[in-house]
Amino acid sequence: MTLTRRWASRNVLALGFTSLLTDISSEMITAALPIYLIYYLRLSPLEFGLVDGLYQGVTALVRVAGGALGDRAGRYKEVAVVGYAVSAVCKLGLLAVGGVWTGIAGVVLVDRLGKGLRTAPRDALISLSVPRSRLATAFGTHRALDAVGALLGPVVTFGILALAPNGFDAVFVASFCFAVLGVGVIVLFAENRAGAVEKAALHPLTLLSSGGLLRDGFGRLVGLASLLALLTISDGFLYLALQRRGAVTVGVLPLLYVGTALVTLALNIPLGRLADRWGRERVFLAGYIGLAGAYLVVLSPGLAWPGAVASLVLLGGYYAATDGVLAALASAQLPSAVRGSGLALLATATGLARLGSSVGFGALWTWWGLEVTVLVYLAGLTGAIVLAVLTLRPPRSRRDVGPALA
């Protein structure tokens, strides 16, 4: 049995390599931002929270538009290409604004709008490229390739800054180059699925009517995922918390992203296959239990590098158990003709929640201190997990979610 028959399709692999290169680009910026903004530009936690919130959640502003455009025309690839291209250009924009943090926030805004535009059409194309029985496996394969990029991006940033301290301009230029390569891969190797185009043309969905998707099990899934996202501490804040608690030094902050990506890469496909066999809901909730464990590690007394390692392992496991699995859960409940719009609605809700989480965490850290803020988020996340365990149930019926592998 070939790799594409066992785990995914060629289309999934093409989109995975696009994400790999794009994630090298975006994670280079992600790894540089905490150092650049907190220690180089001297922003407060609240100001960093505003920028980080934009980076985490502003994609929600256009995700529904991206999904609806893909569904109406059946041209998922073309909509995704535009989103990837916008983000690539924004890497050069970081050079243009220099050290003005409001300018950086503006560039981050546009960059994340590009991400929001591409995400739902790309995920819809993935879901339409495999049969229902391998949805979580396909998303896990894509996220594994994505995690390779998330691993390599911080390594490149660390290497550049090690050779040229404060060489942030070089980081931005290198990030742009990787983004351009990612655009090239999707243009040359990804393709729209023929069946998806026909079904989408028969059942176009408007932005206004897309709210009708939030019925029954899918609406419950969106609500629970949003609540959990609202109580999720962003990676940047979690790594800053480890540094402030004495687990690591400032210089190795970019490498924390590498550690998380390594664990995510190792677990993405195994947990995706486990979710398809054991239950997607169970694996999804187990991931959030692991995230709560990471919060506990941050709060533990006498925190040192073993604690940082434990936190990274739990955080990586959380990503592997939730990101692709959530997309698979949603895809299994959505008809193929409105797959992009449904995934966009889910991403919009969780993206806005993540934006609120980052701004709220930065504000509480500024007013109450780090330890109290982490404790508040831990208590809230624990309650949300209990609620999810009580209410999240597999859907009673499963719709056909796409053609069999070619």
Foldseek 3Di string as FASTA:
>chain_A
DDPCQPFAHQQLVLLLLLLLLLLLLVLLCVLCVLCCVCVVVNDALLLSLLLVLLLQFLLLVCLLVLLLVCLQQVCLLVQLLQLLVQLLVLLVQCVVVPSDSVSVSVSSNRNSVSVSNNPLSSLLQRLQQAWLLNQLSSLLVSVLSSLNSLQNNLVVSLVVCVVPPVVVVVSSVVSSVSSVVSSVSSVPRHDRDPVLSVLSNVDRDDSVRLVVVLDDQLVVLLVLLLLLLLLAEDPSLLLVLCCVLAADDPSCSSNLSNLLSVLLSVQQNVLSNCCSPVNLLVLLLVLLVLQLVLLVLSLDPPHYNVSSNSSSNSNSSSCSSHDSSSLSLQLQSDESSSSSSSVSSSSSSSSNSNSNNSSVLSVCCVVPNNNVSSVVSSVSSVVSSVVSVVPNDRDPDTDTRYDHHD
